[in-house]
């Protein structure tokens, strides 16, 4: 199989690129895609990278009748590669992440676009999220730090940015050389590397703009993610010599030793 099979949609002059990786069909995919296509903000492209998917899923995706959808197919079943591929194919500098089992608020793209235009110094901006279960029932809400300084401090202890809620500037991510590592923690690795550059600024919007699904098949809190994170901090300590990363390594190692989460 060639890496890229098809580029379907053409969106003239998009202002935002929404990127989604997808490798299997489930009951939530329709809701996720429709929540983007029904946004009140219309001038966007939706890039879907179907990675190591079945022919049946690929055929289903090709039935999407919206010129803003751009389809790509790869044979590599690894999210990091496919997110980088989607970023490289994007036509805009503002890129929004979307997962295939979440639901976007109707004004999500508009509010993120407006915020990034008003704050040109911000490199990545996430938002609050409502937690939902397998059936779409709201089970809670995640409140996150809003300011750059607080986010930077918390990144040494935990990840205060919900990955599928973010918008980021393509130029800033390319300066970091894109996503590099992690099967379940590729975003945390990206933000940790961003800490090296004081000009890379973080933000979160308080308003929940995403219904974030937590269920048995999701990768949140997997043991593999906990295993990956200490390595990121040790790398930063060895590379920069800053003892804050050694402390962060010990904290993350302790979390790994204590977790009894499943292996994903």
Protein backbone atom coordinates (compact mmCIF):
# COMPACT_ATOMS: atom_id res chain seq x y z
CA UNK A 1 0.00 0.00 0.00
CA UNK A 2 1.32 3.47 -0.85
CA UNK A 3 1.55 5.86 2.08
CA UNK A 4 -0.99 8.29 0.64
CA UNK A 5 -3.93 6.86 -1.25
CA UNK A 6 -6.20 9.81 -1.76
CA UNK A 7 -6.68 13.53 -1.19
CA UNK A 8 -10.40 14.08 -1.56
CA UNK A 9 -11.68 17.46 -0.49
CA UNK A 10 -10.84 20.98 -1.56
CA UNK A 11 -11.63 23.88 0.76
CA UNK A 12 -10.88 27.26 -0.74
CA UNK A 13 -9.02 29.62 1.58
CA UNK A 14 -9.49 27.85 4.92
CA UNK A 15 -8.56 29.75 8.06
CA UNK A 16 -8.27 26.70 10.31
CA UNK A 17 -7.14 23.11 9.72
CA UNK A 18 -8.76 20.46 11.90
CA UNK A 19 -6.74 17.24 12.06
CA UNK A 20 -8.05 13.82 13.09
CA UNK A 21 -6.46 10.37 13.11
CA UNK A 22 -8.76 7.40 12.64
CA UNK A 23 -8.06 3.67 12.40
CA UNK A 24 -11.38 2.03 13.16
CA UNK A 25 -15.06 2.77 12.98
CA UNK A 26 -17.09 2.95 16.16
CA UNK A 27 -20.43 4.34 17.23
CA UNK A 28 -18.87 7.72 18.11
CA UNK A 29 -17.17 8.58 14.80
CA UNK A 30 -20.30 10.05 13.22
CA UNK A 31 -20.89 12.36 16.17
CA UNK A 32 -17.26 13.49 16.22
CA UNK A 33 -17.10 14.31 12.51
CA UNK A 34 -20.54 15.93 12.43
CA UNK A 35 -19.69 18.12 15.41
CA UNK A 36 -16.92 19.65 13.27
CA UNK A 37 -18.87 19.88 10.02
CA UNK A 38 -21.71 21.66 11.84
CA UNK A 39 -19.53 24.34 13.38
CA UNK A 40 -20.84 27.89 13.32
CA UNK A 41 -17.41 28.89 12.00
CA UNK A 42 -17.41 27.65 8.40
CA UNK A 43 -14.03 28.46 6.87
CA UNK A 44 -12.00 25.39 7.78
CA UNK A 45 -10.65 22.16 6.36
CA UNK A 46 -11.03 18.81 8.11
CA UNK A 47 -8.05 16.54 7.47
CA UNK A 48 -8.74 12.90 8.32
CA UNK A 49 -5.81 10.51 8.20
CA UNK A 50 -7.04 6.93 8.11
CA UNK A 51 -4.11 4.94 9.42
CA UNK A 52 -3.93 1.18 8.88
CA UNK A 53 -7.69 1.13 8.44
CA UNK A 54 -9.88 -1.46 6.76
CA UNK A 55 -11.14 -1.07 3.22
CA UNK A 56 -14.65 -0.87 4.68
CA UNK A 57 -13.77 2.17 6.79
CA UNK A 58 -12.00 3.81 3.85
CA UNK A 59 -15.07 3.28 1.67
CA UNK A 60 -17.29 4.77 4.38
CA UNK A 61 -15.09 7.84 4.71
CA UNK A 62 -15.25 8.41 0.97
CA UNK A 63 -19.01 8.82 1.27
CA UNK A 64 -18.59 12.01 3.29
CA UNK A 65 -20.20 14.65 1.10
CA UNK A 66 -18.47 17.83 2.23
CA UNK A 67 -15.86 19.69 0.21
CA UNK A 68 -14.05 20.73 3.40
CA UNK A 69 -13.07 17.12 4.16
CA UNK A 70 -9.63 16.01 2.95
CA UNK A 71 -8.91 12.29 3.21
CA UNK A 72 -5.55 10.57 3.42
CA UNK A 73 -4.72 6.94 4.03
CA UNK A 74 -1.48 5.54 5.43
CA UNK A 75 -0.29 2.06 6.33
CA UNK A 76 1.48 3.11 9.54
CA UNK A 77 -0.68 2.40 12.64
CA UNK A 78 0.93 5.02 14.85
CA UNK A 79 -0.76 8.29 15.84
CA UNK A 80 2.44 10.34 16.08
CA UNK A 81 3.33 9.71 12.45
CA UNK A 82 -0.18 10.43 11.23
CA UNK A 83 -0.54 13.67 13.20
CA UNK A 84 2.75 14.88 11.70
CA UNK A 85 1.48 13.89 8.28
CA UNK A 86 -1.75 15.81 8.79
CA UNK A 87 0.16 18.89 9.95
CA UNK A 88 2.39 18.72 6.89
CA UNK A 89 -0.67 18.51 4.61
CA UNK A 90 -2.51 21.38 6.30
CA UNK A 91 -3.05 24.64 4.44
CA UNK A 92 -3.24 26.97 7.45
CA UNK A 93 -1.07 28.03 10.36
CA UNK A 94 -3.83 27.47 12.92
CA UNK A 95 -4.35 23.76 13.53
CA UNK A 96 -7.03 22.26 15.77
CA UNK A 97 -6.83 18.73 17.15
CA UNK A 98 -9.90 16.52 17.20
CA UNK A 99 -10.29 12.93 18.33
CA UNK A 100 -12.68 10.49 16.68
CA UNK A 101 -14.74 9.83 19.80
CA UNK A 102 -15.17 13.36 21.20
CA UNK A 103 -17.79 16.02 20.45
CA UNK A 104 -16.92 19.65 19.70
CA UNK A 105 -19.02 22.56 20.96
CA UNK A 106 -20.70 24.36 17.99
CA UNK A 107 -18.65 27.51 18.65
CA UNK A 108 -15.38 25.74 19.35
CA UNK A 109 -13.58 26.78 16.16
CA UNK A 110 -14.84 30.35 16.31
CA UNK A 111 -13.76 30.90 19.91
CA UNK A 112 -10.34 29.32 19.36
CA UNK A 113 -9.80 31.31 16.15
CA UNK A 114 -10.79 34.59 17.82
CA UNK A 115 -8.55 33.93 20.82
CA UNK A 116 -5.47 33.12 18.75
CA UNK A 117 -5.97 36.21 16.60
CA UNK A 118 -6.22 38.45 19.66
CA UNK A 119 -3.19 36.73 21.28
CA UNK A 120 -0.54 36.34 18.56
CA UNK A 121 2.07 35.51 21.22
CA UNK A 122 0.28 32.28 22.24
CA UNK A 123 1.66 29.13 20.60
CA UNK A 124 -0.88 26.59 21.85
CA UNK A 125 -4.26 27.03 23.51
CA UNK A 126 -6.43 24.33 25.02
CA UNK A 127 -9.82 24.61 26.67
CA UNK A 128 -11.87 23.25 29.49
CA UNK A 129 -13.69 20.00 28.73
CA UNK A 130 -16.79 18.20 29.87
CA UNK A 131 -16.13 14.53 30.60
CA UNK A 132 -18.60 12.09 29.06
CA UNK A 133 -18.99 8.34 29.27
CA UNK A 134 -19.52 5.70 26.58
CA UNK A 135 -23.16 6.76 26.21
CA UNK A 136 -22.50 10.49 26.08
CA UNK A 137 -23.60 11.20 29.64
CA UNK A 138 -21.72 14.05 31.33
CA UNK A 139 -19.77 12.68 34.28
CA UNK A 140 -17.70 15.70 35.26
CA UNK A 141 -15.68 18.67 34.08
CA UNK A 142 -11.96 19.29 33.94
CA UNK A 143 -10.87 22.72 35.09
CA UNK A 144 -7.40 23.69 33.95
CA UNK A 145 -4.88 26.47 34.63
CA UNK A 146 -5.32 29.38 32.24
CA UNK A 147 -2.04 31.30 32.36
CA UNK A 148 1.28 30.46 30.72
CA UNK A 149 3.35 30.61 33.91
CA UNK A 150 1.04 28.26 35.82
CA UNK A 151 0.81 25.81 32.93
CA UNK A 152 4.61 25.70 32.65
CA UNK A 153 4.95 24.90 36.35
CA UNK A 154 2.31 22.18 36.25
CA UNK A 155 3.87 20.52 33.20
CA UNK A 156 6.71 19.38 35.47
CA UNK A 157 4.19 17.45 37.57
CA UNK A 158 1.29 16.58 35.26
CA UNK A 159 -0.14 17.46 31.87
CA UNK A 160 -2.55 20.42 32.30
CA UNK A 161 -3.48 20.53 28.60
CA UNK A 162 -6.17 18.27 27.13
CA UNK A 163 -4.64 17.26 23.81
CA UNK A 164 -7.80 16.95 21.66
CA UNK A 165 -8.97 20.36 22.90
CA UNK A 166 -6.03 22.35 21.54
CA UNK A 167 -5.36 24.78 18.75
CA UNK A 168 -1.71 25.47 17.93
CA UNK A 169 0.36 27.41 15.45
CA UNK A 170 1.91 25.21 12.79
CA UNK A 171 5.04 27.39 12.69
CA UNK A 172 5.61 26.88 16.42
CA UNK A 173 5.16 23.10 16.22
CA UNK A 174 7.48 22.83 13.22
CA UNK A 175 10.17 24.67 15.19
CA UNK A 176 9.89 21.83 17.73
CA UNK A 177 10.22 19.34 14.83
CA UNK A 178 6.66 18.13 15.36
CA UNK A 179 5.56 15.14 17.39
CA UNK A 180 8.47 12.84 18.15
CA UNK A 181 7.66 10.10 20.58
CA UNK A 182 5.16 8.22 22.65
CA UNK A 183 2.42 5.78 21.82
CA UNK A 184 0.06 7.20 24.44
CA UNK A 185 1.82 10.43 25.48
CA UNK A 186 2.96 12.12 22.28
CA UNK A 187 1.40 15.42 23.34
CA UNK A 188 3.14 15.51 26.73
CA UNK A 189 6.49 14.95 25.05
CA UNK A 190 5.75 17.87 22.72
CA UNK A 191 4.88 20.26 25.56
CA UNK A 192 7.90 19.19 27.62
CA UNK A 193 10.21 19.97 24.70
CA UNK A 194 8.43 23.32 24.29
CA UNK A 195 9.48 24.26 27.84
CA UNK A 196 13.01 24.85 26.54
CA UNK A 197 11.82 27.96 24.68
CA UNK A 198 10.49 30.80 26.83
CA UNK A 199 8.88 32.32 23.73
CA UNK A 200 6.61 29.28 23.41
CA UNK A 201 3.52 30.38 25.32
CA UNK A 202 0.71 28.19 26.60
CA UNK A 203 -2.89 29.07 27.42
CA UNK A 204 -6.19 27.42 28.26
CA UNK A 205 -9.68 28.80 27.83
CA UNK A 206 -11.89 28.30 30.85
CA UNK A 207 -14.99 27.59 28.76
CA UNK A 208 -15.55 23.86 28.04
CA UNK A 209 -15.41 23.59 24.24
CA UNK A 210 -15.18 19.81 23.98
CA UNK A 211 -17.05 16.81 25.30
CA UNK A 212 -14.14 14.52 26.12
CA UNK A 213 -15.04 10.84 26.14
CA UNK A 214 -13.53 8.59 28.79
CA UNK A 215 -14.25 4.89 28.32
CA UNK A 216 -12.72 1.44 28.59
CA UNK A 217 -10.98 1.53 25.20
CA UNK A 218 -9.44 4.99 25.56
CA UNK A 219 -5.75 5.48 26.23
CA UNK A 220 -6.11 7.99 29.06
CA UNK A 221 -4.08 6.92 32.08
CA UNK A 222 -2.62 3.83 30.45
CA UNK A 223 0.41 2.19 32.04
CA UNK A 224 2.33 2.66 28.80
CA UNK A 225 1.85 6.43 29.01
CA UNK A 226 3.09 6.43 32.60
CA UNK A 227 6.11 4.40 31.48
CA UNK A 228 7.00 6.82 28.68
CA UNK A 229 6.92 10.06 30.64
CA UNK A 230 9.92 9.53 32.99
CA UNK A 231 12.06 9.04 29.89
CA UNK A 232 11.09 12.46 28.56
CA UNK A 233 12.13 14.18 31.77
CA UNK A 234 15.41 12.25 32.04
CA UNK A 235 16.20 13.26 28.45
CA UNK A 236 15.60 16.91 29.32
CA UNK A 237 17.77 16.66 32.45
CA UNK A 238 20.65 15.09 30.52
CA UNK A 239 20.25 17.57 27.65
CA UNK A 240 19.82 20.80 29.64
CA UNK A 241 21.45 19.93 32.99
CA UNK A 242 18.53 21.60 34.80
CA UNK A 243 17.67 19.85 38.05
CA UNK A 244 13.98 20.72 37.76
CA UNK A 245 13.80 17.96 35.15
CA UNK A 246 15.50 15.48 37.47
CA UNK A 247 12.88 16.25 40.10
CA UNK A 248 10.15 15.85 37.48
CA UNK A 249 11.70 12.52 36.47
CA UNK A 250 11.50 11.24 40.04
CA UNK A 251 7.89 12.39 40.42
CA UNK A 252 6.84 10.75 37.15
CA UNK A 253 8.75 7.58 38.00
CA UNK A 254 6.90 7.43 41.30
CA UNK A 255 3.58 7.77 39.50
CA UNK A 256 4.53 4.90 37.21
CA UNK A 257 5.53 2.68 40.12
CA UNK A 258 2.24 3.36 41.90
CA UNK A 259 -0.12 3.03 38.96
CA UNK A 260 -2.00 -0.20 38.41
CA UNK A 261 -3.60 0.94 35.18
CA UNK A 262 -3.99 -1.44 32.30
CA UNK A 263 -1.38 -1.79 29.58
CA UNK A 264 -2.58 -0.19 26.31
